[in-house]
Amino acid sequence: MSDAIIGMHEWFETPPGRYLLEWERAQFDRAVADIFGYHALQLGLPELDALAANRMPHKFLGLPGPRLAPGARRPHLVTDFAALPFEANSMDLVVLPHSLELNADPHATLREVERVLMPEGKVVVCCLNPASLWGLRQRRAHLYRRLGFGQLFLPDAGEFIGYRRLRDWLRLLNFEVETGSFGCWRPALATDRWLDRFEWMDQAGERWWPIFGAAYFIVATKRVRGLKLIGKLWKPAKSIATAPVPLANRRPQPEMQQETLV
């Protein structure tokens, strides 16, 4: 997996990589700014500080291996994403920038994220979209490589996960998807000059073909069935008044005389 991380780092230095990274940074800043708690965890992609806009006091970066790309941020921990060194229900927020695509068992990673998240905790996931112009060019490049020629457009980091497929995984793990969005609709071009020429496609794509963006973004909340947030377990008993209370005396009513007939 370390080689895949190096490959992603090198690709993010290319024009399409910088274009994608800029969009993802804005999406993460918007998503995590208003999530509150004490502990937040980013798994993977040290090139992007996905927790920069978050105000939690304890923020961690975890990577799957000690081998780092040149100039990358140093992690707080090196760990297997499917066996995180945290107690259950201890994290308020976990962000996964392309972490599932780089993992041999992405479903196991999601199960581990569900374990460490507190009830009502948030998970934010960003993935490349296989149903896009970029995904189409990548599949065509894989076909050409089997024939002995061609070059991949995206890093050969792992298997891309479809948007609906990931939503189904999250639902099976008792996550409730709150928001989902797509971005980066420009064609799969390798230079800044040609990417800038198709800048208009970002606005058009958001309106006319949103699900075909090169990347997608999901924010989900961990739900626990049967969990009900309550206040105090009992109400304090009302104290008995001990101070004397003046009572008004009722005036006696005169007895009614009964008339007798003579």
Protein backbone atom coordinates (compact mmCIF):
# COMPACT_ATOMS: atom_id res chain seq x y z
CA MET A 1 0.00 0.00 0.00
CA SER A 2 2.94 2.36 0.50
CA ASP A 3 3.69 2.24 -3.25
CA ALA A 4 0.08 3.23 -3.91
CA ILE A 5 0.46 6.20 -1.56
CA ILE A 6 3.61 7.31 -3.40
CA GLY A 7 1.73 6.98 -6.69
CA MET A 8 -1.15 9.12 -5.43
CA HIS A 9 1.30 11.74 -4.16
CA GLU A 10 3.01 11.98 -7.54
CA TRP A 11 -0.32 12.14 -9.38
CA PHE A 12 -1.58 14.99 -7.16
CA GLU A 13 1.36 17.07 -8.44
CA THR A 14 0.05 16.85 -12.03
CA PRO A 15 -2.42 19.45 -13.43
CA PRO A 16 -5.52 17.20 -13.09
CA GLY A 17 -4.33 16.16 -9.63
CA ARG A 18 -4.03 19.78 -8.47
CA TYR A 19 -7.45 20.54 -9.94
CA LEU A 20 -9.02 17.65 -8.03
CA LEU A 21 -7.14 18.42 -4.80
CA GLU A 22 -8.36 22.03 -4.82
CA TRP A 23 -11.99 20.90 -5.12
CA GLU A 24 -11.59 18.29 -2.37
CA ARG A 25 -9.97 20.78 0.01
CA ALA A 26 -12.94 23.12 -0.35
CA GLN A 27 -15.40 20.27 0.19
CA PHE A 28 -13.67 19.02 3.34
CA ASP A 29 -13.41 22.52 4.79
CA ARG A 30 -17.13 23.02 4.27
CA ALA A 31 -18.10 19.63 5.65
CA VAL A 32 -16.02 19.51 8.85
CA ALA A 33 -16.17 23.16 9.94
CA ASP A 34 -19.38 22.75 11.96
CA ILE A 35 -18.77 19.26 13.38
CA PHE A 36 -18.05 19.50 17.09
CA GLY A 37 -16.50 17.12 19.59
CA TYR A 38 -13.10 16.27 21.05
CA HIS A 39 -11.39 13.68 18.80
CA ALA A 40 -11.07 13.67 15.01
CA LEU A 41 -9.13 11.23 12.81
CA GLN A 42 -7.93 11.45 9.21
CA LEU A 43 -6.95 8.21 7.51
CA GLY A 44 -4.67 8.58 4.50
CA LEU A 45 -3.72 11.29 1.99
CA PRO A 46 -1.24 13.42 3.96
CA GLU A 47 -1.08 15.86 1.01
CA LEU A 48 -4.49 17.15 2.08
CA ASP A 49 -5.20 18.44 5.59
CA ALA A 50 -8.84 17.43 5.60
CA LEU A 51 -9.28 18.58 9.23
CA ALA A 52 -7.82 22.07 8.79
CA ALA A 53 -11.19 23.80 9.21
CA ASN A 54 -12.28 21.67 12.15
CA ARG A 55 -11.97 23.06 15.71
CA MET A 56 -11.69 19.86 17.74
CA PRO A 57 -8.80 19.95 20.26
CA HIS A 58 -7.42 16.49 19.38
CA LYS A 59 -6.80 15.71 15.69
CA PHE A 60 -4.83 12.74 14.37
CA LEU A 61 -3.43 11.67 11.00
CA GLY A 62 -3.09 7.93 10.41
CA LEU A 63 -1.23 6.25 7.55
CA PRO A 64 -0.99 2.55 6.65
CA GLY A 65 2.81 2.45 6.38
CA PRO A 66 5.99 4.25 7.48
CA ARG A 67 7.11 5.00 3.93
CA LEU A 68 6.24 8.61 3.10
CA ALA A 69 6.35 10.60 -0.09
CA PRO A 70 8.90 13.45 -0.15
CA GLY A 71 7.54 16.53 1.59
CA ALA A 72 4.46 14.79 2.98
CA ARG A 73 3.17 15.46 6.49
CA ARG A 74 4.36 13.08 9.16
CA PRO A 75 1.54 11.00 10.65
CA HIS A 76 0.64 10.72 14.31
CA LEU A 77 0.27 6.95 13.97
CA VAL A 78 1.04 4.16 11.50
CA THR A 79 -1.67 1.55 11.56
CA ASP A 80 -3.76 -0.91 9.62
CA PHE A 81 -6.99 0.86 8.76
CA ALA A 82 -8.90 -2.34 9.56
CA ALA A 83 -7.43 -2.49 13.11
CA LEU A 84 -7.29 1.02 14.55
CA PRO A 85 -5.64 1.46 17.99
CA PHE A 86 -8.62 3.27 19.50
CA GLU A 87 -11.33 2.19 21.89
CA ALA A 88 -14.86 1.65 20.67
CA ASN A 89 -17.04 4.76 20.63
CA SER A 90 -14.06 7.10 21.12
CA MET A 91 -14.01 9.27 17.95
CA ASP A 92 -16.35 12.10 17.04
CA LEU A 93 -15.24 12.42 13.41
CA VAL A 94 -13.36 10.24 10.89
CA VAL A 95 -12.46 11.47 7.40
CA LEU A 96 -11.47 9.11 4.57
CA PRO A 97 -9.92 10.97 1.60
CA HIS A 98 -9.43 8.19 -0.99
CA SER A 99 -8.60 5.79 1.85
CA LEU A 100 -11.08 3.15 0.72
CA GLU A 101 -9.66 3.00 -2.82
CA LEU A 102 -6.15 2.41 -1.49
CA ASN A 103 -7.24 -0.38 0.85
CA ALA A 104 -7.27 -4.06 -0.02
CA ASP A 105 -10.45 -4.53 2.07
CA PRO A 106 -12.43 -1.27 2.07
CA HIS A 107 -15.44 -2.87 3.73
CA ALA A 108 -13.30 -3.93 6.70
CA THR A 109 -12.06 -0.34 6.99
CA LEU A 110 -15.63 0.94 7.13
CA ARG A 111 -16.51 -1.61 9.82
CA GLU A 112 -13.55 -0.42 11.90
CA VAL A 113 -14.58 3.20 11.42
CA GLU A 114 -18.06 2.31 12.65
CA ARG A 115 -16.55 0.67 15.73
CA VAL A 116 -14.43 3.63 16.83
CA LEU A 117 -17.05 6.28 16.10
CA MET A 118 -19.30 7.47 18.91
CA PRO A 119 -23.07 7.27 18.43
CA GLU A 120 -24.07 10.25 16.27
CA GLY A 121 -20.43 10.55 15.14
CA LYS A 122 -19.67 11.59 11.56
CA VAL A 123 -17.73 9.96 8.74
CA VAL A 124 -16.73 11.95 5.65
CA VAL A 125 -15.67 10.00 2.55
CA CYS A 126 -14.21 11.19 -0.75
CA CYS A 127 -13.71 8.81 -3.69
CA LEU A 128 -13.07 8.89 -7.42
CA ASN A 129 -16.18 8.20 -9.46
CA PRO A 130 -15.92 5.27 -11.90
CA ALA A 131 -19.03 6.57 -13.73
CA SER A 132 -17.30 9.67 -15.09
CA LEU A 133 -15.20 10.80 -18.03
CA TRP A 134 -12.11 10.19 -15.91
CA GLY A 135 -13.25 6.71 -14.97
CA LEU A 136 -14.05 5.93 -18.61
CA ARG A 137 -10.58 6.97 -19.73
CA GLN A 138 -9.02 4.89 -16.94
CA ARG A 139 -10.91 1.75 -18.01
CA ARG A 140 -9.91 2.33 -21.63
CA ALA A 141 -6.28 2.77 -20.55
CA HIS A 142 -6.39 -0.56 -18.68
CA LEU A 143 -7.64 -2.22 -21.87
CA TYR A 144 -4.85 -0.67 -23.91
CA ARG A 145 -2.24 -1.82 -21.38
CA ARG A 146 -3.43 -5.39 -21.76
CA LEU A 147 -2.73 -5.01 -25.46
CA GLY A 148 0.77 -3.77 -24.67
CA PHE A 149 0.55 0.01 -25.09
CA GLY A 150 -1.03 3.08 -23.53
CA GLN A 151 -0.67 4.91 -20.22
CA LEU A 152 -3.02 5.26 -17.28
CA PHE A 153 -4.60 8.64 -16.64
CA LEU A 154 -5.33 8.06 -12.93
CA PRO A 155 -2.97 6.35 -10.47
CA ASP A 156 -3.21 2.58 -10.43
CA ALA A 157 -4.03 2.65 -6.71
CA GLY A 158 -6.86 0.19 -6.39
CA GLU A 159 -10.48 -0.46 -7.31
CA PHE A 160 -12.76 2.54 -7.62
CA ILE A 161 -16.01 2.29 -5.66
CA GLY A 162 -19.29 3.45 -7.17
CA TYR A 163 -21.41 6.05 -5.39
CA ARG A 164 -24.48 3.84 -4.90
CA ARG A 165 -22.35 0.91 -3.84
CA LEU A 166 -20.73 2.95 -1.08
CA ARG A 167 -24.10 4.25 0.11
CA ASP A 168 -25.30 0.64 0.42
CA TRP A 169 -22.24 -0.29 2.47
CA LEU A 170 -22.85 2.62 4.82
CA ARG A 171 -26.50 1.69 5.31
CA LEU A 172 -25.56 -1.90 6.17
CA LEU A 173 -23.28 -0.52 8.91
CA ASN A 174 -26.08 1.62 10.42
CA PHE A 175 -24.87 4.88 8.92
CA GLU A 176 -27.38 7.45 7.75
CA VAL A 177 -26.20 9.34 4.68
CA GLU A 178 -26.81 13.03 5.23
CA THR A 179 -25.34 14.59 2.09
CA GLY A 180 -23.79 13.43 -1.16
CA SER A 181 -22.23 15.61 -3.85
CA PHE A 182 -20.19 15.36 -7.03
CA GLY A 183 -17.53 17.60 -8.55
CA CYS A 184 -14.85 18.07 -11.23
CA TRP A 185 -16.72 17.69 -14.52
CA ARG A 186 -13.91 18.76 -16.84
CA PRO A 187 -12.67 16.12 -19.30
CA ALA A 188 -9.70 13.87 -18.54
CA LEU A 189 -7.02 16.22 -19.84
CA ALA A 190 -3.37 16.30 -18.80
CA THR A 191 -2.42 19.99 -19.10
CA ASP A 192 -3.49 23.18 -17.35
CA ARG A 193 -4.11 24.86 -20.70
CA TRP A 194 -6.74 22.36 -21.81
CA LEU A 195 -8.29 22.05 -18.37
CA ASP A 196 -8.77 25.82 -18.24
CA ARG A 197 -10.46 25.79 -21.64
CA PHE A 198 -13.18 23.51 -20.26
CA GLU A 199 -13.74 25.43 -17.04
CA TRP A 200 -17.31 26.12 -18.16
CA MET A 201 -18.11 22.41 -17.79
CA ASP A 202 -17.99 22.66 -13.98
CA GLN A 203 -21.05 24.90 -13.89
CA ALA A 204 -22.82 23.03 -16.67
CA GLY A 205 -22.07 19.64 -15.13
CA GLU A 206 -23.36 20.66 -11.72
CA ARG A 207 -26.67 21.57 -13.32
CA TRP A 208 -27.15 19.07 -16.14
CA TRP A 209 -25.15 15.90 -15.37
CA PRO A 210 -24.15 16.03 -11.66
CA ILE A 211 -23.70 12.27 -11.13
CA PHE A 212 -20.91 12.14 -13.75
CA GLY A 213 -18.40 14.22 -11.78
CA ALA A 214 -14.89 12.84 -11.49
CA ALA A 215 -15.15 12.60 -7.69
CA TYR A 216 -17.91 12.35 -5.12
CA PHE A 217 -18.29 13.28 -1.49
CA ILE A 218 -20.43 11.65 1.23
CA VAL A 219 -21.17 12.73 4.81
CA ALA A 220 -22.86 10.11 7.03
CA THR A 221 -23.84 9.80 10.69
CA LYS A 222 -23.55 6.70 12.85
CA ARG A 223 -26.95 5.69 14.19
CA VAL A 224 -27.46 3.27 17.06
CA ARG A 225 -30.81 1.49 17.09
CA GLY A 226 -32.71 1.72 20.34
CA LEU A 227 -30.54 4.57 21.61
CA LYS A 228 -32.49 7.42 23.15
CA LEU A 229 -30.83 10.48 24.60
CA ILE A 230 -32.44 11.40 27.92
CA GLY A 231 -31.76 13.84 30.70
CA LYS A 232 -31.64 12.95 34.38
CA LEU A 233 -32.59 9.42 35.31
CA TRP A 234 -34.91 10.68 38.06
CA LYS A 235 -36.42 13.91 39.19
CA PRO A 236 -35.58 15.22 42.66
CA ALA A 237 -38.43 14.88 45.13
CA LYS A 238 -40.21 18.06 45.96
CA SER A 239 -39.32 19.34 49.42
CA ILE A 240 -42.08 19.63 52.02
CA ALA A 241 -42.71 23.16 53.22
CA THR A 242 -41.91 23.54 56.94
CA ALA A 243 -42.62 27.24 57.40
CA PRO A 244 -45.97 28.13 59.04
CA VAL A 245 -48.63 29.17 56.59
CA PRO A 246 -51.39 31.51 57.82
CA LEU A 247 -54.90 30.23 57.25
CA ALA A 248 -57.96 32.43 57.08
CA ASN A 249 -60.66 31.46 59.66
CA ARG A 250 -64.11 31.05 58.27
CA ARG A 251 -66.87 32.89 60.10
CA PRO A 252 -69.46 30.53 61.55
CA GLN A 253 -72.74 30.62 59.73
CA PRO A 254 -75.82 31.35 61.94
CA GLU A 255 -78.13 28.43 62.30
CA MET A 256 -81.35 28.76 60.46
CA GLN A 257 -84.40 28.81 62.70
CA GLN A 258 -87.16 26.50 61.72
CA GLU A 259 -90.62 28.09 61.86
CA THR A 260 -93.34 26.10 63.50
CA LEU A 261 -96.97 26.23 62.59
CA VAL A 262 -99.36 26.95 65.43
